[in-house]
Protein backbone atom coordinates (compact mmCIF):
# COMPACT_ATOMS: atom_id res chain seq x y z
CA UNK A 1 -45.59 -10.10 3.09
CA UNK A 2 -44.32 -14.06 1.87
CA UNK A 3 -42.57 -15.44 -0.92
CA UNK A 4 -44.63 -16.02 -3.47
CA UNK A 5 -43.86 -19.92 -3.38
CA UNK A 6 -44.92 -20.09 0.11
CA UNK A 7 -48.40 -18.58 -0.54
CA UNK A 8 -49.20 -20.43 -3.62
CA UNK A 9 -48.83 -23.67 -1.59
CA UNK A 10 -51.28 -22.19 1.21
CA UNK A 11 -53.72 -21.34 -1.63
CA UNK A 12 -53.43 -24.84 -3.00
CA UNK A 13 -53.74 -26.58 -0.07
CA UNK A 14 -56.68 -24.66 1.09
CA UNK A 15 -58.20 -25.12 -2.26
CA UNK A 16 -57.65 -28.68 -2.23
CA UNK A 17 -59.76 -28.78 1.37
CA UNK A 18 -62.45 -26.83 -0.51
CA UNK A 19 -61.76 -23.72 1.12
CA UNK A 20 -62.33 -20.15 -0.68
CA UNK A 21 -59.47 -17.92 0.65
CA UNK A 22 -60.10 -14.37 0.58
CA UNK A 23 -57.54 -13.22 2.35
CA UNK A 24 -54.33 -14.29 4.48
CA UNK A 25 -53.72 -12.12 7.32
CA UNK A 26 -49.99 -11.11 8.75
CA UNK A 27 -49.68 -10.70 12.29
CA UNK A 28 -49.78 -6.78 12.14
CA UNK A 29 -53.18 -7.08 10.17
CA UNK A 30 -54.54 -9.78 12.89
CA UNK A 31 -53.28 -7.13 15.83
CA UNK A 32 -54.97 -4.41 13.96
CA UNK A 33 -58.20 -6.45 14.29
CA UNK A 34 -57.80 -7.12 18.40
CA UNK A 35 -57.16 -3.54 18.12
CA UNK A 36 -60.67 -2.85 16.28
CA UNK A 37 -62.56 -4.23 19.27
CA UNK A 38 -61.05 -2.25 22.19
CA UNK A 39 -60.71 1.21 20.50
CA UNK A 40 -63.35 3.85 21.06
CA UNK A 41 -64.75 4.89 17.70
CA UNK A 42 -62.60 7.56 15.87
CA UNK A 43 -59.62 7.53 18.23
CA UNK A 44 -56.20 6.64 18.21
CA UNK A 45 -55.45 3.23 19.98
CA UNK A 46 -51.71 1.13 20.55
CA UNK A 47 -52.28 -2.47 20.89
CA UNK A 48 -48.88 -4.37 22.24
CA UNK A 49 -48.34 -7.75 21.78
CA UNK A 50 -46.06 -9.60 23.82
CA UNK A 51 -44.90 -12.76 21.50
CA UNK A 52 -42.52 -15.57 22.00
CA UNK A 53 -39.63 -13.68 19.73
CA UNK A 54 -40.29 -9.96 20.20
CA UNK A 55 -43.33 -7.81 21.14
CA UNK A 56 -45.27 -5.89 18.00
CA UNK A 57 -46.66 -2.56 18.73
CA UNK A 58 -49.66 -1.49 16.62
CA UNK A 59 -51.63 1.65 16.70
CA UNK A 60 -54.86 2.22 14.58
CA UNK A 61 -57.63 4.30 14.13
CA UNK A 62 -60.89 3.47 12.60
CA UNK A 63 -60.25 0.24 11.94
CA UNK A 64 -57.34 1.68 9.74
CA UNK A 65 -54.07 0.24 10.93
CA UNK A 66 -51.37 3.47 11.10
CA UNK A 67 -48.49 2.03 12.35
CA UNK A 68 -46.23 -1.11 13.41
CA UNK A 69 -43.35 -1.61 15.24
CA UNK A 70 -41.77 -4.53 16.16
CA UNK A 71 -39.58 -4.69 19.76
CA UNK A 72 -36.93 -6.72 20.52
CA UNK A 73 -38.30 -8.02 23.86
CA UNK A 74 -40.46 -11.37 24.63
CA UNK A 75 -42.71 -12.11 27.14
CA UNK A 76 -40.55 -14.72 28.72
CA UNK A 77 -37.89 -11.81 29.26
CA UNK A 78 -40.91 -9.70 30.84
CA UNK A 79 -41.73 -12.56 33.29
CA UNK A 80 -38.15 -13.71 33.99
CA UNK A 81 -37.82 -14.75 37.84
CA UNK A 82 -34.26 -12.97 37.31
CA UNK A 83 -34.83 -9.56 38.57
CA UNK A 84 -32.30 -8.08 36.43
CA UNK A 85 -32.72 -9.53 33.10
CA UNK A 86 -36.58 -8.51 34.09
CA UNK A 87 -35.97 -5.10 34.65
CA UNK A 88 -33.47 -4.97 31.34
CA UNK A 89 -36.45 -6.19 29.45
CA UNK A 90 -38.94 -3.37 31.25
CA UNK A 91 -36.66 -0.51 30.32
CA UNK A 92 -36.18 -1.59 26.78
CA UNK A 93 -39.45 -2.02 26.20
CA UNK A 94 -40.46 1.40 27.81
CA UNK A 95 -37.52 3.07 26.11
CA UNK A 96 -39.15 1.84 22.65
CA UNK A 97 -42.61 2.72 23.68
CA UNK A 98 -41.88 5.91 24.27
CA UNK A 99 -39.66 6.62 21.15
CA UNK A 100 -42.46 5.05 19.10
CA UNK A 101 -45.56 7.33 20.69
CA UNK A 102 -43.34 10.12 20.66
CA UNK A 103 -42.56 9.61 16.97
CA UNK A 104 -46.30 8.87 16.34
CA UNK A 105 -47.45 11.97 17.34
CA UNK A 106 -44.94 14.03 15.46
CA UNK A 107 -45.85 12.34 12.32
CA UNK A 108 -49.48 11.99 12.81
CA UNK A 109 -50.16 15.05 15.21
CA UNK A 110 -54.08 14.81 14.51
CA UNK A 111 -54.26 11.63 15.53
CA UNK A 112 -54.56 11.30 19.26
CA UNK A 113 -53.80 8.04 20.73
CA UNK A 114 -56.26 7.29 23.67
CA UNK A 115 -54.45 4.50 25.44
CA UNK A 116 -52.30 1.80 25.25
CA UNK A 117 -53.34 -1.76 25.49
CA UNK A 118 -51.32 -4.88 26.68
CA UNK A 119 -52.64 -8.21 25.54
CA UNK A 120 -52.82 -10.57 28.12
CA UNK A 121 -50.49 -13.08 29.40
CA UNK A 122 -46.93 -13.58 31.04
CA UNK A 123 -44.92 -10.30 31.78
CA UNK A 124 -48.16 -8.02 30.17
CA UNK A 125 -48.95 -6.78 34.04
CA UNK A 126 -45.44 -6.18 34.58
CA UNK A 127 -44.94 -4.41 31.71
CA UNK A 128 -48.39 -2.17 31.78
CA UNK A 129 -47.13 -1.10 35.47
CA UNK A 130 -43.77 -0.24 34.43
CA UNK A 131 -44.89 1.70 31.30
CA UNK A 132 -47.85 4.09 33.17
CA UNK A 133 -44.91 5.70 34.67
CA UNK A 134 -43.13 6.66 31.23
CA UNK A 135 -45.97 7.60 28.97
CA UNK A 136 -48.67 10.23 28.60
CA UNK A 137 -51.13 7.71 27.38
CA UNK A 138 -52.98 5.43 29.97
CA UNK A 139 -51.83 1.70 29.86
CA UNK A 140 -54.03 -0.92 30.68
CA UNK A 141 -53.95 -4.78 30.35
CA UNK A 142 -56.75 -5.37 27.89
CA UNK A 143 -59.91 -6.75 28.64
CA UNK A 144 -60.39 -8.09 25.65
CA UNK A 145 -61.92 -11.39 26.56
CA UNK A 146 -64.80 -8.92 27.64
CA UNK A 147 -65.34 -8.38 23.81
CA UNK A 148 -64.74 -12.09 22.80
CA UNK A 149 -67.07 -15.00 23.52
CA UNK A 150 -64.91 -17.48 25.08
CA UNK A 151 -67.66 -19.78 26.82
CA UNK A 152 -66.51 -22.70 25.22
CA UNK A 153 -63.10 -22.47 26.40
CA UNK A 154 -61.87 -24.03 29.82
CA UNK A 155 -61.92 -21.38 32.29
CA UNK A 156 -57.79 -21.49 32.66
CA UNK A 157 -57.01 -21.26 28.94
CA UNK A 158 -54.09 -19.04 28.35
CA UNK A 159 -54.99 -17.47 25.12
CA UNK A 160 -51.69 -15.80 24.83
CA UNK A 161 -49.95 -17.75 22.46
CA UNK A 162 -53.18 -17.53 20.25
CA UNK A 163 -53.91 -13.92 20.17
CA UNK A 164 -52.67 -13.64 16.42
CA UNK A 165 -54.45 -16.37 15.40
CA UNK A 166 -57.46 -14.96 17.40
CA UNK A 167 -57.19 -11.56 15.22
CA UNK A 168 -56.76 -12.94 11.87
CA UNK A 169 -60.04 -15.11 12.36
CA UNK A 170 -61.86 -11.40 13.19
CA UNK A 171 -61.07 -10.38 9.68
CA UNK A 172 -64.19 -9.18 8.25
CA UNK A 173 -63.96 -8.76 4.13
CA UNK A 174 -63.82 -5.64 2.80
CA UNK A 175 -67.43 -4.68 0.65
CA UNK A 176 -66.21 -5.40 -2.54
CA UNK A 177 -64.63 -8.51 -1.83
CA UNK A 178 -66.58 -11.84 -2.78
CA UNK A 179 -65.46 -15.65 -2.61
CA UNK A 180 -63.25 -16.98 -5.45
CA UNK A 181 -64.25 -20.08 -6.91
CA UNK A 182 -61.99 -23.08 -5.66
CA UNK A 183 -60.54 -23.07 -9.13
CA UNK A 184 -59.28 -19.48 -8.91
CA UNK A 185 -58.47 -19.61 -5.64
CA UNK A 186 -55.87 -22.39 -6.60
CA UNK A 187 -54.41 -20.19 -9.29
CA UNK A 188 -51.08 -18.02 -8.48
CA UNK A 189 -52.19 -14.36 -8.86
CA UNK A 190 -50.52 -11.96 -11.98
């Protein structure tokens, strides 16, 4: 997902700091981790993250990432005070969600998507309200803070800029992953 030189620089910096890298998550796997918090066991789950440059939709089942899709709409567009700009963004996002879920159903007909959760942030309520009218699955603004202990944060903390970091921090190593010694972490893999 990234050039080897960029990965090597991160690995060396981490090794110099005494970190023992096990993995570097990408946005899609960070969102998968958040989806796992919200999903019902063995049910398909869709999660939408509204970012600064685009929205990302992931569909998971039993903690496995089955689909990831970028949608060319931003949270700023969805929360814009100009009605025309906001409406265009809602329509574009709604159409892409509809197409993606329909395509997912055709390819993964054995997996029923239980619902779509939209991560909280600017534009999330407006998009959820709009998408409820278009989609065949329930659409909710995720109550993810019910699943995470955020008590150490000020009550008015806006997590919308931090969902990907939070999701990456939730990564659980696979049973066969063991921390590599610092010297091995700095070496470039074959």
